[in-house]
């Protein structure tokens, strides 16, 4: 057994357990953070003379996507919300299942037929760009306003190489009146062509 003096000497050689103090970071870090905060505030107040500017002087319009004018309907946004799942973002559709919109004779053709197609939808065979599709497109008569249908169709008619004139809300209103109380979709492309003229 060790002598009491040997035990005392052994304890004296041991270092105390490390303990975290009240300020684990040095004061230099806090001073740097405060200086950085004051510099950032000064920079924003002196450099951003216009609320629309950032430090490199680009405006919100230059940084963000095109925004429609106040009160205008964004056809691209509606297409993304209502149509892209079937017709795809590039308007290519899904071969054999959903027809393409890019280069489609329906999209670039008579706007009255296109409006009536979107208003009531179609159920049955329709030929697009030489290929036959036999599916169902939903009706948007009760879910989209005249302005919204006009905006999304104008978007389709100007994208993916399509170059047809835009559709206005007045044309949609007239087509809506022409289909009247009909609630069932067109039975294929042939009935749509015959009934939409």
N, C-alpha and C. Protein backbone atom coordinates (compact mmCIF):
# COMPACT_ATOMS: atom_id res chain seq x y z
N UNK A 1 0.83 -1.17 0.00
CA UNK A 1 0.00 0.00 0.00
C UNK A 1 0.88 1.24 0.00
N UNK A 2 0.45 2.26 -0.80
CA UNK A 2 1.25 3.48 -0.91
C UNK A 2 1.12 4.29 0.36
N UNK A 3 2.12 5.07 0.58
CA UNK A 3 2.12 5.96 1.71
C UNK A 3 1.22 7.15 1.43
N UNK A 4 0.64 7.77 2.46
CA UNK A 4 -0.22 8.93 2.25
C UNK A 4 0.48 10.05 1.52
N UNK A 5 1.78 10.22 1.72
CA UNK A 5 2.50 11.29 1.01
C UNK A 5 2.56 10.99 -0.48
N UNK A 6 2.72 9.74 -0.86
CA UNK A 6 2.76 9.37 -2.28
C UNK A 6 1.43 9.64 -2.94
N UNK A 7 0.33 9.36 -2.24
CA UNK A 7 -1.01 9.62 -2.79
C UNK A 7 -1.21 11.11 -2.97
N UNK A 8 -0.81 11.90 -2.02
CA UNK A 8 -0.94 13.36 -2.12
C UNK A 8 -0.12 13.90 -3.28
N UNK A 9 1.08 13.37 -3.47
CA UNK A 9 1.91 13.83 -4.57
C UNK A 9 1.29 13.45 -5.92
N UNK A 10 0.67 12.25 -6.02
CA UNK A 10 0.03 11.81 -7.26
C UNK A 10 -1.16 12.71 -7.58
N UNK A 11 -1.93 13.05 -6.56
CA UNK A 11 -3.07 13.94 -6.78
C UNK A 11 -2.63 15.33 -7.19
N UNK A 12 -1.53 15.76 -6.69
CA UNK A 12 -1.02 17.10 -7.01
C UNK A 12 -0.57 17.17 -8.47
N UNK A 13 -0.12 16.03 -9.03
CA UNK A 13 0.33 16.03 -10.42
C UNK A 13 -0.84 16.04 -11.41
N UNK A 14 -2.01 15.58 -11.02
CA UNK A 14 -3.16 15.52 -11.92
C UNK A 14 -3.71 16.92 -12.18
N UNK A 15 -4.18 17.09 -13.41
CA UNK A 15 -4.75 18.38 -13.79
C UNK A 15 -6.26 18.34 -13.55
N UNK A 16 -6.82 19.49 -13.33
CA UNK A 16 -8.26 19.58 -13.09
C UNK A 16 -9.03 19.25 -14.36
N UNK A 17 -10.27 18.78 -14.18
CA UNK A 17 -11.12 18.48 -15.32
C UNK A 17 -11.42 19.78 -16.08
N UNK A 18 -11.42 19.72 -17.43
CA UNK A 18 -11.74 20.95 -18.17
C UNK A 18 -13.20 21.33 -17.95
N UNK A 19 -13.45 22.61 -17.89
CA UNK A 19 -14.82 23.10 -17.69
C UNK A 19 -15.05 24.27 -18.64
N UNK A 20 -16.27 24.34 -19.18
CA UNK A 20 -16.61 25.43 -20.09
C UNK A 20 -16.91 26.67 -19.26
N UNK A 21 -16.33 27.76 -19.68
CA UNK A 21 -16.57 29.00 -18.95
C UNK A 21 -17.87 29.63 -19.45
N UNK A 22 -18.24 30.75 -18.88
CA UNK A 22 -19.44 31.46 -19.29
C UNK A 22 -19.33 32.00 -20.70
N UNK A 23 -18.13 32.32 -21.18
CA UNK A 23 -17.92 32.84 -22.53
C UNK A 23 -17.02 31.88 -23.27
N UNK A 24 -17.61 30.86 -23.96
CA UNK A 24 -16.75 29.87 -24.65
C UNK A 24 -16.01 30.48 -25.83
N UNK A 25 -16.52 31.57 -26.44
CA UNK A 25 -15.81 32.22 -27.54
C UNK A 25 -15.07 33.43 -27.00
N UNK A 26 -13.98 33.72 -27.63
CA UNK A 26 -13.22 34.87 -27.14
C UNK A 26 -13.91 36.18 -27.50
N UNK A 27 -13.56 37.21 -26.83
CA UNK A 27 -14.14 38.54 -27.06
C UNK A 27 -13.82 39.03 -28.48
N UNK A 28 -12.76 38.55 -29.09
CA UNK A 28 -12.39 38.98 -30.45
C UNK A 28 -13.48 38.58 -31.45
N UNK A 29 -14.05 37.41 -31.26
CA UNK A 29 -15.13 36.99 -32.16
C UNK A 29 -16.35 37.89 -32.03
N UNK A 30 -16.71 38.22 -30.79
CA UNK A 30 -17.84 39.11 -30.58
C UNK A 30 -17.58 40.49 -31.15
N UNK A 31 -16.38 40.98 -30.98
CA UNK A 31 -16.03 42.30 -31.51
C UNK A 31 -16.11 42.27 -33.04
N UNK A 32 -15.61 41.21 -33.66
CA UNK A 32 -15.66 41.09 -35.12
C UNK A 32 -17.10 41.06 -35.62
N UNK A 33 -17.98 40.31 -34.93
CA UNK A 33 -19.39 40.21 -35.33
C UNK A 33 -20.07 41.57 -35.22
N UNK A 34 -19.78 42.32 -34.19
CA UNK A 34 -20.39 43.65 -34.01
C UNK A 34 -19.92 44.60 -35.10
N UNK A 35 -18.62 44.57 -35.40
CA UNK A 35 -18.08 45.43 -36.47
C UNK A 35 -18.73 45.05 -37.80
N UNK A 36 -18.86 43.77 -38.08
CA UNK A 36 -19.48 43.31 -39.33
C UNK A 36 -20.94 43.75 -39.41
N UNK A 37 -21.67 43.68 -38.32
CA UNK A 37 -23.06 44.11 -38.28
C UNK A 37 -23.17 45.61 -38.58
N UNK A 38 -22.34 46.42 -37.95
CA UNK A 38 -22.38 47.86 -38.20
C UNK A 38 -21.98 48.19 -39.64
N UNK A 39 -20.97 47.49 -40.16
CA UNK A 39 -20.54 47.75 -41.54
C UNK A 39 -21.66 47.38 -42.52
N UNK A 40 -22.31 46.22 -42.31
CA UNK A 40 -23.40 45.81 -43.19
C UNK A 40 -24.56 46.79 -43.18
N UNK A 41 -24.91 47.27 -41.99
CA UNK A 41 -25.99 48.26 -41.88
C UNK A 41 -25.60 49.54 -42.61
N UNK A 42 -24.38 49.99 -42.41
CA UNK A 42 -23.90 51.21 -43.09
C UNK A 42 -23.93 51.02 -44.61
N UNK A 43 -23.48 49.86 -45.09
CA UNK A 43 -23.43 49.60 -46.52
C UNK A 43 -24.83 49.64 -47.14
N UNK A 44 -25.79 48.99 -46.49
CA UNK A 44 -27.16 48.96 -47.01
C UNK A 44 -27.75 50.36 -47.04
N UNK A 45 -27.54 51.12 -45.98
CA UNK A 45 -28.12 52.47 -45.92
C UNK A 45 -27.49 53.43 -46.91
N UNK A 46 -26.21 53.27 -47.19
CA UNK A 46 -25.54 54.23 -48.10
C UNK A 46 -25.56 53.78 -49.55
N UNK A 47 -25.58 52.50 -49.83
CA UNK A 47 -25.50 52.02 -51.21
C UNK A 47 -26.86 51.80 -51.85
N UNK A 48 -27.85 51.37 -51.09
CA UNK A 48 -29.17 51.09 -51.65
C UNK A 48 -30.00 52.36 -51.64
N UNK A 49 -29.73 53.23 -52.61
CA UNK A 49 -30.45 54.50 -52.67
C UNK A 49 -31.88 54.32 -53.12
N UNK A 50 -32.16 53.24 -53.84
CA UNK A 50 -33.51 52.96 -54.32
C UNK A 50 -33.92 51.62 -53.73
N UNK A 51 -35.15 51.51 -53.26
CA UNK A 51 -35.60 50.27 -52.60
C UNK A 51 -35.54 49.08 -53.54
N UNK A 52 -35.56 49.29 -54.86
CA UNK A 52 -35.52 48.20 -55.81
C UNK A 52 -34.12 47.75 -56.17
N UNK A 53 -33.10 48.36 -55.61
CA UNK A 53 -31.73 48.02 -55.96
C UNK A 53 -31.08 47.12 -54.93
N UNK A 54 -30.18 46.27 -55.42
CA UNK A 54 -29.34 45.46 -54.55
C UNK A 54 -27.93 46.02 -54.64
N UNK A 55 -27.01 45.43 -53.94
CA UNK A 55 -25.65 45.95 -53.89
C UNK A 55 -24.99 46.06 -55.26
N UNK A 56 -25.34 45.20 -56.20
CA UNK A 56 -24.75 45.29 -57.54
C UNK A 56 -25.64 46.08 -58.49
N UNK A 57 -26.67 46.71 -57.97
CA UNK A 57 -27.55 47.62 -58.70
C UNK A 57 -28.41 46.95 -59.76
N UNK A 58 -28.71 45.66 -59.59
CA UNK A 58 -29.69 45.03 -60.46
C UNK A 58 -31.06 45.21 -59.85
N UNK A 59 -32.06 45.41 -60.69
CA UNK A 59 -33.43 45.60 -60.18
C UNK A 59 -34.11 44.25 -60.02
N UNK A 60 -35.24 44.25 -59.35
CA UNK A 60 -36.01 43.03 -59.20
C UNK A 60 -36.46 42.48 -60.55
N UNK A 61 -36.78 43.39 -61.48
CA UNK A 61 -37.20 42.95 -62.82
C UNK A 61 -36.09 42.19 -63.53
N UNK A 62 -34.84 42.65 -63.35
CA UNK A 62 -33.71 41.98 -64.00
C UNK A 62 -33.41 40.63 -63.36
N UNK A 63 -33.68 40.50 -62.07
CA UNK A 63 -33.35 39.27 -61.37
C UNK A 63 -34.43 38.19 -61.48
N UNK A 64 -35.68 38.60 -61.52
CA UNK A 64 -36.76 37.62 -61.47
C UNK A 64 -37.35 37.32 -62.83
N UNK A 65 -38.25 36.31 -62.87
CA UNK A 65 -38.92 36.00 -64.13
C UNK A 65 -39.89 37.11 -64.49
N UNK A 66 -40.30 37.10 -65.73
CA UNK A 66 -41.25 38.12 -66.20
C UNK A 66 -42.53 38.04 -65.40
N UNK A 67 -42.97 39.17 -64.91
CA UNK A 67 -44.22 39.25 -64.16
C UNK A 67 -45.25 39.98 -65.01
N UNK A 68 -46.46 39.47 -65.11
CA UNK A 68 -47.48 40.17 -65.88
C UNK A 68 -47.87 41.47 -65.18
N UNK A 69 -48.44 42.36 -65.93
CA UNK A 69 -48.88 43.63 -65.36
C UNK A 69 -49.94 43.38 -64.29
N UNK A 70 -50.10 44.36 -63.41
CA UNK A 70 -51.07 44.21 -62.33
C UNK A 70 -52.45 43.93 -62.93
N UNK A 71 -53.12 42.94 -62.40
CA UNK A 71 -54.44 42.57 -62.88
C UNK A 71 -54.42 41.61 -64.06
N UNK A 72 -53.27 41.45 -64.71
CA UNK A 72 -53.17 40.53 -65.85
C UNK A 72 -53.04 39.10 -65.34
N UNK A 73 -53.45 38.15 -66.17
CA UNK A 73 -53.38 36.74 -65.83
C UNK A 73 -52.12 36.16 -66.46
N UNK A 74 -51.39 35.37 -65.72
CA UNK A 74 -50.15 34.76 -66.20
C UNK A 74 -50.47 33.39 -66.82
N UNK A 75 -50.49 33.35 -68.15
CA UNK A 75 -50.81 32.10 -68.86
C UNK A 75 -49.79 31.01 -68.61
N UNK A 76 -48.51 31.38 -68.46
CA UNK A 76 -47.48 30.37 -68.21
C UNK A 76 -47.70 29.71 -66.86
N UNK A 77 -48.07 30.49 -65.87
CA UNK A 77 -48.32 29.94 -64.55
C UNK A 77 -49.54 29.01 -64.57
N UNK A 78 -50.59 29.42 -65.27
CA UNK A 78 -51.77 28.56 -65.39
C UNK A 78 -51.45 27.26 -66.11
N UNK A 79 -50.63 27.37 -67.16
CA UNK A 79 -50.22 26.15 -67.88
C UNK A 79 -49.49 25.22 -66.92
N UNK A 80 -48.59 25.78 -66.11
CA UNK A 80 -47.85 24.96 -65.15
C UNK A 80 -48.75 24.31 -64.11
N UNK A 81 -49.83 24.99 -63.74
CA UNK A 81 -50.73 24.46 -62.72
C UNK A 81 -51.75 23.48 -63.27
N UNK A 82 -52.23 23.70 -64.49
CA UNK A 82 -53.36 22.92 -65.01
C UNK A 82 -53.01 21.93 -66.12
N UNK A 83 -51.98 22.21 -66.90
CA UNK A 83 -51.77 21.45 -68.14
C UNK A 83 -50.47 20.64 -68.20
N UNK A 84 -49.46 21.08 -67.44
CA UNK A 84 -48.12 20.51 -67.63
C UNK A 84 -48.04 19.03 -67.25
N UNK A 85 -48.88 18.57 -66.35
CA UNK A 85 -48.82 17.17 -65.94
C UNK A 85 -49.07 16.23 -67.12
N UNK A 86 -49.96 16.61 -68.02
CA UNK A 86 -50.26 15.77 -69.19
C UNK A 86 -49.44 16.16 -70.41
N UNK A 87 -49.40 17.46 -70.70
CA UNK A 87 -48.78 17.91 -71.94
C UNK A 87 -47.29 18.21 -71.81
N UNK A 88 -46.74 18.11 -70.61
CA UNK A 88 -45.31 18.27 -70.32
C UNK A 88 -44.84 19.72 -70.48
N UNK A 89 -43.77 20.06 -69.80
CA UNK A 89 -43.27 21.44 -69.76
C UNK A 89 -42.83 21.92 -71.14
N UNK A 90 -42.35 21.03 -71.97
CA UNK A 90 -41.90 21.43 -73.31
C UNK A 90 -43.01 21.30 -74.35
N UNK A 91 -44.23 21.00 -73.91
CA UNK A 91 -45.36 20.88 -74.83
C UNK A 91 -45.30 19.65 -75.72
N UNK A 92 -44.50 18.67 -75.34
CA UNK A 92 -44.32 17.48 -76.18
C UNK A 92 -45.36 16.40 -75.93
N UNK A 93 -46.13 16.52 -74.85
CA UNK A 93 -47.09 15.48 -74.52
C UNK A 93 -46.39 14.17 -74.18
N UNK A 94 -47.15 13.09 -74.15
CA UNK A 94 -46.60 11.76 -73.92
C UNK A 94 -47.06 10.90 -75.09
N UNK A 95 -46.14 10.40 -75.92
CA UNK A 95 -46.52 9.66 -77.12
C UNK A 95 -47.52 8.54 -76.82
N UNK A 96 -48.60 8.53 -77.60
CA UNK A 96 -49.62 7.51 -77.47
C UNK A 96 -50.60 7.73 -76.33
N UNK A 97 -50.32 8.72 -75.45
CA UNK A 97 -51.18 8.94 -74.29
C UNK A 97 -51.76 10.35 -74.29
N UNK A 98 -50.88 11.36 -74.27
CA UNK A 98 -51.32 12.75 -74.26
C UNK A 98 -50.74 13.46 -75.47
N UNK A 99 -51.57 14.15 -76.25
CA UNK A 99 -51.08 14.77 -77.49
C UNK A 99 -50.15 15.95 -77.22
N UNK A 100 -49.25 16.21 -78.17
CA UNK A 100 -48.35 17.35 -78.02
C UNK A 100 -49.07 18.66 -78.31
N UNK A 101 -48.55 19.73 -77.74
CA UNK A 101 -49.04 21.08 -78.03
C UNK A 101 -48.09 21.80 -78.97
N UNK A 102 -46.82 21.42 -78.93
CA UNK A 102 -45.81 22.02 -79.80
C UNK A 102 -46.08 21.57 -81.24
N UNK A 103 -46.33 22.54 -82.12
CA UNK A 103 -46.59 22.24 -83.52
C UNK A 103 -47.97 21.66 -83.78
N UNK A 104 -48.84 21.67 -82.80
CA UNK A 104 -50.18 21.09 -82.95
C UNK A 104 -51.06 21.96 -83.84
N UNK A 105 -51.74 21.31 -84.78
CA UNK A 105 -52.67 22.04 -85.64
C UNK A 105 -53.87 22.55 -84.86
N UNK A 106 -54.20 21.90 -83.75
CA UNK A 106 -55.30 22.36 -82.91
C UNK A 106 -54.92 23.65 -82.18
N UNK A 107 -53.71 23.72 -81.70
CA UNK A 107 -53.25 24.91 -80.96
C UNK A 107 -53.08 26.10 -81.90
N UNK A 108 -52.53 25.85 -83.08
CA UNK A 108 -52.24 26.95 -84.00
C UNK A 108 -53.39 27.25 -84.96
N UNK A 109 -54.42 26.42 -84.93
CA UNK A 109 -55.53 26.59 -85.86
C UNK A 109 -56.56 27.60 -85.39
N UNK A 110 -57.80 27.35 -85.77
CA UNK A 110 -58.92 28.24 -85.46
C UNK A 110 -59.06 28.41 -83.95
N UNK A 111 -58.94 29.64 -83.45
CA UNK A 111 -59.03 29.85 -82.00
C UNK A 111 -60.40 29.49 -81.42
N UNK A 112 -61.46 29.59 -82.24
CA UNK A 112 -62.79 29.23 -81.73
C UNK A 112 -62.84 27.75 -81.36
N UNK A 113 -62.25 26.92 -82.20
CA UNK A 113 -62.23 25.47 -81.93
C UNK A 113 -61.39 25.19 -80.69
N UNK A 114 -60.25 25.84 -80.59
CA UNK A 114 -59.36 25.63 -79.45
C UNK A 114 -60.04 26.04 -78.15
N UNK A 115 -60.72 27.18 -78.16
CA UNK A 115 -61.42 27.65 -76.96
C UNK A 115 -62.49 26.66 -76.55
N UNK A 116 -63.27 26.17 -77.51
CA UNK A 116 -64.33 25.22 -77.19
C UNK A 116 -63.77 23.88 -76.72
N UNK A 117 -62.62 23.51 -77.23
CA UNK A 117 -61.94 22.30 -76.77
C UNK A 117 -61.59 22.43 -75.29
N UNK A 118 -61.05 23.58 -74.90
CA UNK A 118 -60.65 23.78 -73.51
C UNK A 118 -61.88 23.95 -72.61
N UNK A 119 -62.91 24.60 -73.12
CA UNK A 119 -64.12 24.81 -72.30
C UNK A 119 -64.77 23.49 -71.90
N UNK A 120 -64.97 22.59 -72.88
CA UNK A 120 -65.70 21.35 -72.60
C UNK A 120 -64.82 20.11 -72.47
N UNK A 121 -63.59 20.18 -72.95
CA UNK A 121 -62.74 18.99 -72.94
C UNK A 121 -63.13 18.06 -74.08
N UNK A 122 -62.47 16.93 -74.16
CA UNK A 122 -62.76 15.97 -75.22
C UNK A 122 -62.59 14.56 -74.67
N UNK A 123 -63.47 13.68 -75.11
CA UNK A 123 -63.40 12.28 -74.70
C UNK A 123 -63.58 11.44 -75.96
N UNK A 124 -62.54 10.77 -76.35
CA UNK A 124 -62.60 9.98 -77.58
C UNK A 124 -61.39 10.24 -78.44
N UNK A 125 -61.49 9.77 -79.67
CA UNK A 125 -60.33 9.82 -80.57
C UNK A 125 -60.14 11.21 -81.16
N UNK A 126 -58.89 11.67 -81.11
CA UNK A 126 -58.50 12.93 -81.70
C UNK A 126 -57.14 12.73 -82.36
N UNK A 127 -56.98 13.29 -83.55
CA UNK A 127 -55.72 13.15 -84.27
C UNK A 127 -54.93 14.44 -84.14
N UNK A 128 -53.67 14.31 -83.73
CA UNK A 128 -52.78 15.45 -83.57
C UNK A 128 -51.46 15.13 -84.25
N UNK A 129 -51.07 15.95 -85.21
CA UNK A 129 -49.81 15.80 -85.94
C UNK A 129 -49.68 14.39 -86.53
N UNK A 130 -50.79 13.86 -87.07
CA UNK A 130 -50.77 12.56 -87.73
C UNK A 130 -50.87 11.36 -86.82
N UNK A 131 -50.88 11.56 -85.51
CA UNK A 131 -51.00 10.44 -84.57
C UNK A 131 -52.36 10.49 -83.90
N UNK A 132 -52.94 9.32 -83.65
CA UNK A 132 -54.26 9.26 -83.02
C UNK A 132 -54.12 9.03 -81.52
N UNK A 133 -54.94 9.77 -80.78
CA UNK A 133 -54.98 9.67 -79.32
C UNK A 133 -56.41 9.38 -78.93
N UNK A 134 -56.58 8.50 -77.98
CA UNK A 134 -57.92 8.16 -77.52
C UNK A 134 -57.93 8.25 -76.00
N UNK A 135 -58.17 9.44 -75.52
CA UNK A 135 -58.16 9.65 -74.08
C UNK A 135 -59.24 10.62 -73.68
N UNK A 136 -58.99 11.29 -72.59
CA UNK A 136 -59.97 12.25 -72.09
C UNK A 136 -59.25 13.48 -71.57
N UNK A 137 -59.70 14.63 -72.06
CA UNK A 137 -59.20 15.90 -71.55
C UNK A 137 -60.32 16.52 -70.72
N UNK A 138 -60.01 17.01 -69.51
CA UNK A 138 -61.06 17.57 -68.66
C UNK A 138 -61.59 18.90 -69.18
N UNK A 139 -62.76 19.24 -68.71
CA UNK A 139 -63.39 20.52 -69.02
C UNK A 139 -62.88 21.58 -68.06
N UNK A 140 -62.62 22.78 -68.57
CA UNK A 140 -62.22 23.90 -67.72
C UNK A 140 -63.28 25.00 -67.70
N UNK A 141 -64.47 24.67 -68.19
CA UNK A 141 -65.57 25.63 -68.29
C UNK A 141 -65.92 26.22 -66.93
N UNK A 142 -65.96 25.38 -65.90
CA UNK A 142 -66.38 25.83 -64.58
C UNK A 142 -65.23 26.19 -63.65
N UNK A 143 -64.00 25.93 -64.07
CA UNK A 143 -62.87 26.17 -63.17
C UNK A 143 -62.01 27.36 -63.57
N UNK A 144 -62.05 27.77 -64.84
CA UNK A 144 -61.24 28.91 -65.29
C UNK A 144 -62.14 30.00 -65.86
N UNK A 145 -61.76 31.25 -65.59
CA UNK A 145 -62.50 32.39 -66.11
C UNK A 145 -62.15 32.62 -67.59
N UNK A 146 -62.88 33.52 -68.22
CA UNK A 146 -62.60 33.86 -69.63
C UNK A 146 -61.17 34.39 -69.77
N UNK A 147 -60.76 35.26 -68.86
CA UNK A 147 -59.42 35.84 -68.93
C UNK A 147 -58.35 34.78 -68.72
N UNK A 148 -58.60 33.82 -67.83
CA UNK A 148 -57.61 32.76 -67.57
C UNK A 148 -57.48 31.84 -68.78
N UNK A 149 -58.59 31.47 -69.39
CA UNK A 149 -58.53 30.61 -70.58
C UNK A 149 -57.82 31.34 -71.71
N UNK A 150 -58.14 32.62 -71.88
CA UNK A 150 -57.48 33.41 -72.93
C UNK A 150 -55.98 33.47 -72.68
N UNK A 151 -55.57 33.65 -71.43
CA UNK A 151 -54.14 33.75 -71.11
C UNK A 151 -53.40 32.45 -71.36
N UNK A 152 -53.98 31.33 -70.93
CA UNK A 152 -53.28 30.06 -71.12
C UNK A 152 -53.23 29.68 -72.60
N UNK A 153 -54.29 29.96 -73.36
CA UNK A 153 -54.27 29.64 -74.79
C UNK A 153 -53.31 30.55 -75.54
N UNK A 154 -53.24 31.80 -75.16
CA UNK A 154 -52.27 32.72 -75.78
C UNK A 154 -50.85 32.24 -75.50
N UNK A 155 -50.64 31.73 -74.30
CA UNK A 155 -49.32 31.17 -73.95
C UNK A 155 -49.00 29.98 -74.85
N UNK A 156 -49.94 29.06 -75.02
CA UNK A 156 -49.71 27.87 -75.85
C UNK A 156 -49.41 28.26 -77.30
N UNK A 157 -50.11 29.27 -77.79
CA UNK A 157 -49.99 29.65 -79.19
C UNK A 157 -48.70 30.42 -79.49
N UNK A 158 -47.92 30.72 -78.45
CA UNK A 158 -46.66 31.46 -78.67
C UNK A 158 -45.44 30.71 -78.16
N UNK A 159 -45.59 29.45 -77.78
CA UNK A 159 -44.48 28.68 -77.21
C UNK A 159 -44.09 27.51 -78.12
N UNK A 160 -42.89 26.99 -77.89
CA UNK A 160 -42.38 25.76 -78.51
C UNK A 160 -42.42 25.81 -80.04
N UNK A 161 -42.19 26.95 -80.61
CA UNK A 161 -42.22 27.09 -82.06
C UNK A 161 -43.58 27.45 -82.62
N UNK A 162 -44.61 27.46 -81.79
CA UNK A 162 -45.94 27.89 -82.24
C UNK A 162 -45.93 29.40 -82.46
N UNK A 163 -46.58 29.86 -83.49
CA UNK A 163 -46.59 31.30 -83.76
C UNK A 163 -47.96 31.73 -84.26
N UNK A 164 -48.96 31.56 -83.41
CA UNK A 164 -50.33 31.96 -83.75
C UNK A 164 -50.69 33.19 -82.91
N UNK A 165 -51.62 33.99 -83.39
CA UNK A 165 -52.01 35.19 -82.64
C UNK A 165 -52.63 34.82 -81.28
N UNK A 166 -52.56 35.73 -80.32
CA UNK A 166 -53.13 35.45 -79.00
C UNK A 166 -54.66 35.36 -79.06
N UNK A 167 -55.22 34.80 -78.02
CA UNK A 167 -56.67 34.68 -77.86
C UNK A 167 -57.09 35.70 -76.81
N UNK A 168 -58.16 36.44 -77.08
CA UNK A 168 -58.60 37.41 -76.08
C UNK A 168 -59.82 36.90 -75.32
N UNK A 169 -60.08 37.53 -74.17
CA UNK A 169 -61.16 37.10 -73.29
C UNK A 169 -62.54 37.24 -73.94
N UNK A 170 -62.68 38.18 -74.89
CA UNK A 170 -63.96 38.36 -75.57
C UNK A 170 -64.28 37.11 -76.40
N UNK A 171 -63.28 36.56 -77.09
CA UNK A 171 -63.48 35.35 -77.88
C UNK A 171 -63.90 34.18 -76.99
N UNK A 172 -63.30 34.11 -75.81
CA UNK A 172 -63.66 33.03 -74.88
C UNK A 172 -65.08 33.22 -74.39
N UNK A 173 -65.46 34.46 -74.10
CA UNK A 173 -66.83 34.74 -73.64
C UNK A 173 -67.85 34.35 -74.70
N UNK A 174 -67.55 34.66 -75.96
CA UNK A 174 -68.45 34.30 -77.06
C UNK A 174 -68.56 32.78 -77.21
N UNK A 175 -67.42 32.10 -77.10
CA UNK A 175 -67.43 30.64 -77.21
C UNK A 175 -68.19 30.02 -76.05
N UNK A 176 -68.04 30.59 -74.87
CA UNK A 176 -68.76 30.07 -73.70
C UNK A 176 -70.28 30.20 -73.91
N UNK A 177 -70.69 31.34 -74.47
CA UNK A 177 -72.12 31.54 -74.76
C UNK A 177 -72.60 30.57 -75.83
N UNK A 178 -71.73 30.28 -76.82
CA UNK A 178 -72.11 29.38 -77.91
C UNK A 178 -72.31 27.94 -77.43
N UNK A 179 -71.50 27.48 -76.47
CA UNK A 179 -71.67 26.10 -75.99
C UNK A 179 -72.83 26.02 -75.01
N UNK A 180 -73.26 27.17 -74.51
CA UNK A 180 -74.45 27.22 -73.66
C UNK A 180 -74.38 26.31 -72.45
N UNK A 181 -75.44 25.56 -72.24
CA UNK A 181 -75.53 24.71 -71.07
C UNK A 181 -74.93 23.33 -71.27
N UNK A 182 -74.30 23.08 -72.40
CA UNK A 182 -73.71 21.75 -72.64
C UNK A 182 -72.66 21.47 -71.57
N UNK A 183 -72.77 20.30 -70.97
CA UNK A 183 -71.84 19.94 -69.92
C UNK A 183 -70.94 18.78 -70.28
N UNK A 184 -71.33 18.00 -71.30
CA UNK A 184 -70.54 16.83 -71.66
C UNK A 184 -69.40 17.21 -72.59
N UNK A 185 -68.29 16.49 -72.53
CA UNK A 185 -67.16 16.79 -73.41
C UNK A 185 -67.46 16.42 -74.86
N UNK A 186 -66.66 16.98 -75.76
CA UNK A 186 -66.78 16.62 -77.18
C UNK A 186 -66.41 15.16 -77.34
N UNK A 187 -67.12 14.45 -78.22
CA UNK A 187 -66.84 13.03 -78.45
C UNK A 187 -65.85 12.90 -79.61
N UNK A 188 -64.61 13.23 -79.32
CA UNK A 188 -63.57 13.11 -80.32
C UNK A 188 -63.40 14.36 -81.16
N UNK A 189 -62.36 14.33 -81.98
CA UNK A 189 -62.00 15.48 -82.79
C UNK A 189 -63.00 15.84 -83.87
N UNK A 190 -63.65 14.83 -84.44
CA UNK A 190 -64.60 15.10 -85.51
C UNK A 190 -65.81 15.88 -84.99
N UNK A 191 -66.36 15.47 -83.86
CA UNK A 191 -67.49 16.21 -83.29
C UNK A 191 -67.06 17.62 -82.89
N UNK A 192 -65.88 17.74 -82.37
CA UNK A 192 -65.36 19.06 -81.98
C UNK A 192 -65.29 19.98 -83.19
N UNK A 193 -64.72 19.48 -84.30
CA UNK A 193 -64.63 20.32 -85.51
C UNK A 193 -66.02 20.72 -86.01
N UNK A 194 -66.95 19.76 -86.01
CA UNK A 194 -68.29 20.04 -86.53
C UNK A 194 -69.08 20.97 -85.61
N UNK A 195 -68.95 20.76 -84.28
CA UNK A 195 -69.75 21.54 -83.36
C UNK A 195 -69.16 22.87 -82.95
N UNK A 196 -67.90 23.08 -83.24
CA UNK A 196 -67.24 24.30 -82.78
C UNK A 196 -67.27 25.41 -83.80
N UNK A 197 -67.77 25.14 -85.01
CA UNK A 197 -67.75 26.18 -86.04
C UNK A 197 -68.94 27.08 -85.96
